[in-house]
Amino acid sequence: MKETNDKIVVFGENNKRFDIPKSEIYQVGMNVILIIDYPQLVKYEVSKDSPLPSGESIESINNEAYPKDYHGPRDF
């Protein structure tokens, strides 16, 4: 998951990615709960390789998750 000023980027199974506006999200603690029903989620699906809403490349998330000093396994 990645957060921008107006959207939450959610990575799902099967290499799916959803850029969901914060207006469609009800957030409680560490959980993110959608206000919309699951079938409506499809309208926010985007290509997993497209740039993030902030303009960053998708590789920036990989670099955040696995910094250069990280020595554990990488699942990609």
PDB file of N, CA and C in Angstrom:
ATOM      1  N   MET A   1       0.843  -1.164   0.000  1.00  0.00           N
ATOM      2  CA  MET A   1       0.000   0.000   0.000  1.00  0.00           C
ATOM      3  C   MET A   1       0.895   1.237   0.000  1.00  0.00           C
ATOM      4  N   LYS A   2       0.455   2.257  -0.695  1.00  0.00           N
ATOM      5  CA  LYS A   2       1.185   3.532  -0.791  1.00  0.00           C
ATOM      6  C   LYS A   2       0.156   4.643  -0.683  1.00  0.00           C
ATOM      7  N   GLU A   3       0.478   5.700   0.053  1.00  0.00           N
ATOM      8  CA  GLU A   3      -0.457   6.803   0.238  1.00  0.00           C
ATOM      9  C   GLU A   3       0.086   8.066  -0.414  1.00  0.00           C
ATOM     10  N   THR A   4      -0.795   8.776  -1.134  1.00  0.00           N
ATOM     11  CA  THR A   4      -0.471  10.093  -1.676  1.00  0.00           C
ATOM     12  C   THR A   4      -1.407  11.096  -1.011  1.00  0.00           C
ATOM     13  N   ASN A   5      -1.378  12.343  -1.439  1.00  0.00           N
ATOM     14  CA  ASN A   5      -2.230  13.362  -0.830  1.00  0.00           C
ATOM     15  C   ASN A   5      -3.719  13.076  -0.992  1.00  0.00           C
ATOM     16  N   ASP A   6      -4.110  12.516  -2.140  1.00  0.00           N
ATOM     17  CA  ASP A   6      -5.538  12.318  -2.391  1.00  0.00           C
ATOM     18  C   ASP A   6      -5.940  10.876  -2.679  1.00  0.00           C
ATOM     19  N   LYS A   7      -4.982   9.949  -2.717  1.00  0.00           N
ATOM     20  CA  LYS A   7      -5.299   8.563  -3.042  1.00  0.00           C
ATOM     21  C   LYS A   7      -4.518   7.591  -2.176  1.00  0.00           C
ATOM     22  N   ILE A   8      -5.069   6.390  -2.087  1.00  0.00           N
ATOM     23  CA  ILE A   8      -4.362   5.259  -1.492  1.00  0.00           C
ATOM     24  C   ILE A   8      -4.155   4.265  -2.630  1.00  0.00           C
ATOM     25  N   VAL A   9      -2.936   3.816  -2.824  1.00  0.00           N
ATOM     26  CA  VAL A   9      -2.620   2.834  -3.855  1.00  0.00           C
ATOM     27  C   VAL A   9      -2.568   1.474  -3.165  1.00  0.00           C
ATOM     28  N   VAL A  10      -3.428   0.576  -3.633  1.00  0.00           N
ATOM     29  CA  VAL A  10      -3.534  -0.749  -3.027  1.00  0.00           C
ATOM     30  C   VAL A  10      -3.087  -1.774  -4.048  1.00  0.00           C
ATOM     31  N   PHE A  11      -2.186  -2.642  -3.631  1.00  0.00           N
ATOM     32  CA  PHE A  11      -1.712  -3.718  -4.495  1.00  0.00           C
ATOM     33  C   PHE A  11      -2.428  -4.992  -4.083  1.00  0.00           C
ATOM     34  N   GLY A  12      -3.099  -5.625  -5.056  1.00  0.00           N
ATOM     35  CA  GLY A  12      -3.858  -6.833  -4.777  1.00  0.00           C
ATOM     36  C   GLY A  12      -3.207  -8.056  -5.364  1.00  0.00           C
ATOM     37  N   GLU A  13      -3.900  -9.168  -5.216  1.00  0.00           N
ATOM     38  CA  GLU A  13      -3.375 -10.414  -5.764  1.00  0.00           C
ATOM     39  C   GLU A  13      -3.458 -10.393  -7.282  1.00  0.00           C
ATOM     40  N   ASN A  14      -2.767 -11.315  -7.918  1.00  0.00           N
ATOM     41  CA  ASN A  14      -2.715 -11.421  -9.377  1.00  0.00           C
ATOM     42  C   ASN A  14      -2.174 -10.160 -10.039  1.00  0.00           C
ATOM     43  N   ASN A  15      -1.233  -9.477  -9.378  1.00  0.00           N
ATOM     44  CA  ASN A  15      -0.592  -8.275  -9.923  1.00  0.00           C
ATOM     45  C   ASN A  15      -1.570  -7.164 -10.234  1.00  0.00           C
ATOM     46  N   LYS A  16      -2.632  -7.034  -9.455  1.00  0.00           N
ATOM     47  CA  LYS A  16      -3.591  -5.954  -9.656  1.00  0.00           C
ATOM     48  C   LYS A  16      -3.206  -4.768  -8.782  1.00  0.00           C
ATOM     49  N   ARG A  17      -3.564  -3.584  -9.258  1.00  0.00           N
ATOM     50  CA  ARG A  17      -3.298  -2.359  -8.511  1.00  0.00           C
ATOM     51  C   ARG A  17      -4.519  -1.461  -8.612  1.00  0.00           C
ATOM     52  N   PHE A  18      -4.864  -0.821  -7.515  1.00  0.00           N
ATOM     53  CA  PHE A  18      -6.026   0.053  -7.462  1.00  0.00           C
ATOM     54  C   PHE A  18      -5.605   1.393  -6.874  1.00  0.00           C
ATOM     55  N   ASP A  19      -5.902   2.483  -7.577  1.00  0.00           N
ATOM     56  CA  ASP A  19      -5.655   3.841  -7.083  1.00  0.00           C
ATOM     57  C   ASP A  19      -7.001   4.372  -6.592  1.00  0.00           C
ATOM     58  N   ILE A  20      -7.234   4.294  -5.296  1.00  0.00           N
ATOM     59  CA  ILE A  20      -8.542   4.596  -4.724  1.00  0.00           C
ATOM     60  C   ILE A  20      -8.516   5.977  -4.084  1.00  0.00           C
ATOM     61  N   PRO A  21      -9.467   6.858  -4.475  1.00  0.00           N
ATOM     62  CA  PRO A  21      -9.522   8.187  -3.854  1.00  0.00           C
ATOM     63  C   PRO A  21      -9.810   8.067  -2.361  1.00  0.00           C
ATOM     64  N   LYS A  22      -9.234   8.941  -1.576  1.00  0.00           N
ATOM     65  CA  LYS A  22      -9.450   8.903  -0.134  1.00  0.00           C
ATOM     66  C   LYS A  22     -10.909   9.142   0.222  1.00  0.00           C
ATOM     67  N   SER A  23     -11.666   9.780  -0.666  1.00  0.00           N
ATOM     68  CA  SER A  23     -13.091  10.001  -0.401  1.00  0.00           C
ATOM     69  C   SER A  23     -13.876   8.690  -0.370  1.00  0.00           C
ATOM     70  N   GLU A  24     -13.309   7.609  -0.922  1.00  0.00           N
ATOM     71  CA  GLU A  24     -13.961   6.298  -0.940  1.00  0.00           C
ATOM     72  C   GLU A  24     -13.452   5.404   0.196  1.00  0.00           C
ATOM     73  N   ILE A  25     -12.684   5.976   1.126  1.00  0.00           N
ATOM     74  CA  ILE A  25     -12.039   5.177   2.162  1.00  0.00           C
ATOM     75  C   ILE A  25     -12.440   5.676   3.542  1.00  0.00           C
ATOM     76  N   TYR A  26     -12.739   4.711   4.405  1.00  0.00           N
ATOM     77  CA  TYR A  26     -12.953   4.992   5.823  1.00  0.00           C
ATOM     78  C   TYR A  26     -11.818   4.290   6.539  1.00  0.00           C
ATOM     79  N   GLN A  27     -10.990   5.027   7.239  1.00  0.00           N
ATOM     80  CA  GLN A  27      -9.781   4.462   7.823  1.00  0.00           C
ATOM     81  C   GLN A  27      -9.935   4.344   9.336  1.00  0.00           C
ATOM     82  N   VAL A  28      -9.623   3.167   9.848  1.00  0.00           N
ATOM     83  CA  VAL A  28      -9.696   2.920  11.284  1.00  0.00           C
ATOM     84  C   VAL A  28      -8.370   2.317  11.723  1.00  0.00           C
ATOM     85  N   GLY A  29      -7.595   3.025  12.541  1.00  0.00           N
ATOM     86  CA  GLY A  29      -6.313   2.508  13.017  1.00  0.00           C
ATOM     87  C   GLY A  29      -5.407   2.109  11.873  1.00  0.00           C
ATOM     88  N   MET A  30      -4.921   0.882  11.917  1.00  0.00           N
ATOM     89  CA  MET A  30      -4.044   0.374  10.863  1.00  0.00           C
ATOM     90  C   MET A  30      -4.829  -0.292   9.730  1.00  0.00           C
ATOM     91  N   ASN A  31      -6.147  -0.345   9.840  1.00  0.00           N
ATOM     92  CA  ASN A  31      -6.983  -0.959   8.805  1.00  0.00           C
ATOM     93  C   ASN A  31      -7.534   0.108   7.878  1.00  0.00           C
ATOM     94  N   VAL A  32      -7.625  -0.224   6.606  1.00  0.00           N
ATOM     95  CA  VAL A  32      -8.238   0.664   5.636  1.00  0.00           C
ATOM     96  C   VAL A  32      -9.514  -0.014   5.168  1.00  0.00           C
ATOM     97  N   ILE A  33     -10.642   0.636   5.394  1.00  0.00           N
ATOM     98  CA  ILE A  33     -11.937   0.069   5.036  1.00  0.00           C
ATOM     99  C   ILE A  33     -12.553   0.931   3.946  1.00  0.00           C
ATOM    100  N   LEU A  34     -13.007   0.269   2.869  1.00  0.00           N
ATOM    101  CA  LEU A  34     -13.621   0.985   1.758  1.00  0.00           C
ATOM    102  C   LEU A  34     -15.081   1.286   2.046  1.00  0.00           C
ATOM    103  N   ILE A  35     -15.538   2.446   1.612  1.00  0.00           N
ATOM    104  CA  ILE A  35     -16.939   2.820   1.718  1.00  0.00           C
ATOM    105  C   ILE A  35     -17.739   2.135   0.608  1.00  0.00           C
ATOM    106  N   ILE A  36     -17.091   1.841  -0.506  1.00  0.00           N
ATOM    107  CA  ILE A  36     -17.754   1.247  -1.662  1.00  0.00           C
ATOM    108  C   ILE A  36     -17.797  -0.278  -1.548  1.00  0.00           C
ATOM    109  N   ASP A  37     -18.703  -0.887  -2.329  1.00  0.00           N
ATOM    110  CA  ASP A  37     -18.787  -2.341  -2.398  1.00  0.00           C
ATOM    111  C   ASP A  37     -17.699  -2.879  -3.315  1.00  0.00           C
ATOM    112  N   TYR A  38     -17.355  -4.144  -3.125  1.00  0.00           N
ATOM    113  CA  TYR A  38     -16.268  -4.756  -3.887  1.00  0.00           C
ATOM    114  C   TYR A  38     -16.437  -4.629  -5.405  1.00  0.00           C
ATOM    115  N   PRO A  39     -17.638  -4.871  -5.979  1.00  0.00           N
ATOM    116  CA  PRO A  39     -17.758  -4.753  -7.443  1.00  0.00           C
ATOM    117  C   PRO A  39     -17.422  -3.355  -7.987  1.00  0.00           C
ATOM    118  N   GLN A  40     -17.595  -2.322  -7.171  1.00  0.00           N
ATOM    119  CA  GLN A  40     -17.291  -0.952  -7.604  1.00  0.00           C
ATOM    120  C   GLN A  40     -15.791  -0.669  -7.609  1.00  0.00           C
ATOM    121  N   LEU A  41     -15.012  -1.544  -7.003  1.00  0.00           N
ATOM    122  CA  LEU A  41     -13.570  -1.361  -6.927  1.00  0.00           C
ATOM    123  C   LEU A  41     -12.915  -1.423  -8.300  1.00  0.00           C
ATOM    124  N   VAL A  42     -13.530  -2.122  -9.240  1.00  0.00           N
ATOM    125  CA  VAL A  42     -12.936  -2.316 -10.572  1.00  0.00           C
ATOM    126  C   VAL A  42     -12.701  -0.994 -11.298  1.00  0.00           C
ATOM    127  N   LYS A  43     -13.506   0.013 -11.017  1.00  0.00           N
ATOM    128  CA  LYS A  43     -13.328   1.283 -11.729  1.00  0.00           C
ATOM    129  C   LYS A  43     -12.036   1.998 -11.329  1.00  0.00           C
ATOM    130  N   TYR A  44     -11.399   1.570 -10.246  1.00  0.00           N
ATOM    131  CA  TYR A  44     -10.145   2.177  -9.807  1.00  0.00           C
ATOM    132  C   TYR A  44      -8.923   1.337 -10.155  1.00  0.00           C
ATOM    133  N   GLU A  45      -9.132   0.236 -10.882  1.00  0.00           N
ATOM    134  CA  GLU A  45      -8.001  -0.613 -11.263  1.00  0.00           C
ATOM    135  C   GLU A  45      -7.181   0.074 -12.351  1.00  0.00           C
ATOM    136  N   VAL A  46      -5.874   0.045 -12.189  1.00  0.00           N
ATOM    137  CA  VAL A  46      -4.951   0.613 -13.176  1.00  0.00           C
ATOM    138  C   VAL A  46      -3.859  -0.409 -13.461  1.00  0.00           C
ATOM    139  N   SER A  47      -3.118  -0.192 -14.512  1.00  0.00           N
ATOM    140  CA  SER A  47      -1.998  -1.072 -14.830  1.00  0.00           C
ATOM    141  C   SER A  47      -0.983  -1.004 -13.694  1.00  0.00           C
ATOM    142  N   LYS A  48      -0.500  -2.158 -13.260  1.00  0.00           N
ATOM    143  CA  LYS A  48       0.450  -2.183 -12.143  1.00  0.00           C
ATOM    144  C   LYS A  48       1.754  -1.484 -12.482  1.00  0.00           C
ATOM    145  N   ASP A  49       2.042  -1.315 -13.764  1.00  0.00           N
ATOM    146  CA  ASP A  49       3.293  -0.692 -14.180  1.00  0.00           C
ATOM    147  C   ASP A  49       3.173   0.802 -14.455  1.00  0.00           C
ATOM    148  N   SER A  50       1.962   1.354 -14.362  1.00  0.00           N
ATOM    149  CA  SER A  50       1.817   2.780 -14.620  1.00  0.00           C
ATOM    150  C   SER A  50       2.397   3.577 -13.451  1.00  0.00           C
ATOM    151  N   PRO A  51       2.820   4.821 -13.706  1.00  0.00           N
ATOM    152  CA  PRO A  51       3.397   5.632 -12.627  1.00  0.00           C
ATOM    153  C   PRO A  51       2.404   5.816 -11.484  1.00  0.00           C
ATOM    154  N   LEU A  52       2.924   5.980 -10.297  1.00  0.00           N
ATOM    155  CA  LEU A  52       2.070   6.215  -9.140  1.00  0.00           C
ATOM    156  C   LEU A  52       1.389   7.574  -9.273  1.00  0.00           C
ATOM    157  N   PRO A  53       0.257   7.795  -8.592  1.00  0.00           N
ATOM    158  CA  PRO A  53      -0.435   9.083  -8.696  1.00  0.00           C
ATOM    159  C   PRO A  53       0.441  10.267  -8.330  1.00  0.00           C
ATOM    160  N   SER A  54       1.482  10.044  -7.537  1.00  0.00           N
ATOM    161  CA  SER A  54       2.385  11.131  -7.161  1.00  0.00           C
ATOM    162  C   SER A  54       3.398  11.426  -8.262  1.00  0.00           C
ATOM    163  N   GLY A  55       3.413  10.587  -9.321  1.00  0.00           N
ATOM    164  CA  GLY A  55       4.372  10.755 -10.404  1.00  0.00           C
ATOM    165  C   GLY A  55       5.602   9.894 -10.238  1.00  0.00           C
ATOM    166  N   GLU A  56       5.748   9.213  -9.085  1.00  0.00           N
ATOM    167  CA  GLU A  56       6.888   8.330  -8.866  1.00  0.00           C
ATOM    168  C   GLU A  56       6.755   7.082  -9.724  1.00  0.00           C
ATOM    169  N   SER A  57       7.887   6.476 -10.028  1.00  0.00           N
ATOM    170  CA  SER A  57       7.833   5.210 -10.747  1.00  0.00           C
ATOM    171  C   SER A  57       7.515   4.095  -9.763  1.00  0.00           C
ATOM    172  N   ILE A  58       6.993   3.018 -10.262  1.00  0.00           N
ATOM    173  CA  ILE A  58       6.632   1.880  -9.421  1.00  0.00           C
ATOM    174  C   ILE A  58       7.867   1.281  -8.749  1.00  0.00           C
ATOM    175  N   GLU A  59       9.031   1.451  -9.353  1.00  0.00           N
ATOM    176  CA  GLU A  59      10.265   0.931  -8.766  1.00  0.00           C
ATOM    177  C   GLU A  59      10.587   1.608  -7.432  1.00  0.00           C
ATOM    178  N   SER A  60      10.085   2.826  -7.222  1.00  0.00           N
ATOM    179  CA  SER A  60      10.367   3.518  -5.966  1.00  0.00           C
ATOM    180  C   SER A  60       9.790   2.769  -4.776  1.00  0.00           C
ATOM    181  N   ILE A  61       8.675   2.086  -4.971  1.00  0.00           N
ATOM    182  CA  ILE A  61       8.100   1.287  -3.886  1.00  0.00           C
ATOM    183  C   ILE A  61       9.002   0.100  -3.592  1.00  0.00           C
ATOM    184  N   ASN A  62       9.534  -0.514  -4.632  1.00  0.00           N
ATOM    185  CA  ASN A  62      10.447  -1.634  -4.438  1.00  0.00           C
ATOM    186  C   ASN A  62      11.682  -1.172  -3.673  1.00  0.00           C
ATOM    187  N   ASN A  63      12.176   0.024  -3.986  1.00  0.00           N
ATOM    188  CA  ASN A  63      13.345   0.555  -3.282  1.00  0.00           C
ATOM    189  C   ASN A  63      13.029   0.881  -1.830  1.00  0.00           C
ATOM    190  N   GLU A  64      11.780   1.329  -1.549  1.00  0.00           N
ATOM    191  CA  GLU A  64      11.376   1.584  -0.172  1.00  0.00           C
ATOM    192  C   GLU A  64      11.277   0.281   0.612  1.00  0.00           C
ATOM    193  N   ALA A  65      10.743  -0.750  -0.025  1.00  0.00           N
ATOM    194  CA  ALA A  65      10.565  -2.038   0.648  1.00  0.00           C
ATOM    195  C   ALA A  65      11.888  -2.764   0.832  1.00  0.00           C
ATOM    196  N   TYR A  66      12.783  -2.621  -0.130  1.00  0.00           N
ATOM    197  CA  TYR A  66      14.067  -3.319  -0.089  1.00  0.00           C
ATOM    198  C   TYR A  66      15.213  -2.326  -0.276  1.00  0.00           C
ATOM    199  N   PRO A  67      15.563  -1.567   0.775  1.00  0.00           N
ATOM    200  CA  PRO A  67      16.676  -0.626   0.634  1.00  0.00           C
ATOM    201  C   PRO A  67      17.991  -1.356   0.387  1.00  0.00           C
ATOM    202  N   LYS A  68      18.998  -0.629  -0.033  1.00  0.00           N
ATOM    203  CA  LYS A  68      20.286  -1.239  -0.393  1.00  0.00           C
ATOM    204  C   LYS A  68      20.897  -2.027   0.758  1.00  0.00           C
ATOM    205  N   ASP A  69      20.640  -1.624   2.000  1.00  0.00           N
ATOM    206  CA  ASP A  69      21.223  -2.355   3.136  1.00  0.00           C
ATOM    207  C   ASP A  69      20.351  -3.514   3.609  1.00  0.00           C
ATOM    208  N   TYR A  70      19.269  -3.842   2.894  1.00  0.00           N
ATOM    209  CA  TYR A  70      18.400  -4.969   3.230  1.00  0.00           C
ATOM    210  C   TYR A  70      19.070  -6.273   2.772  1.00  0.00           C
ATOM    211  N   HIS A  71      19.114  -7.268   3.630  1.00  0.00           N
ATOM    212  CA  HIS A  71      19.807  -8.515   3.304  1.00  0.00           C
ATOM    213  C   HIS A  71      18.887  -9.732   3.333  1.00  0.00           C
ATOM    214  N   GLY A  72      17.592  -9.534   3.467  1.00  0.00           N
ATOM    215  CA  GLY A  72      16.647 -10.653   3.515  1.00  0.00           C
ATOM    216  C   GLY A  72      16.224 -11.096   2.115  1.00  0.00           C
ATOM    217  N   PRO A  73      15.289 -12.038   2.056  1.00  0.00           N
ATOM    218  CA  PRO A  73      14.825 -12.520   0.750  1.00  0.00           C
ATOM    219  C   PRO A  73      13.978 -11.488   0.024  1.00  0.00           C
ATOM    220  N   ARG A  74      14.000 -11.521  -1.267  1.00  0.00           N
ATOM    221  CA  ARG A  74      13.173 -10.653  -2.108  1.00  0.00           C
ATOM    222  C   ARG A  74      12.237 -11.524  -2.903  1.00  0.00           C
ATOM    223  N   ASP A  75      10.959 -11.235  -2.851  1.00  0.00           N
ATOM    224  CA  ASP A  75       9.961 -12.021  -3.577  1.00  0.00           C
ATOM    225  C   ASP A  75       9.469 -11.215  -4.773  1.00  0.00           C
ATOM    226  N   PHE A  76      10.225 -11.190  -5.839  1.00  0.00           N
ATOM    227  CA  PHE A  76       9.777 -10.502  -7.069  1.00  0.00           C
ATOM    228  C   PHE A  76      10.275 -11.194  -8.279  1.00  0.00           C
TER     229      PHE A  76
END
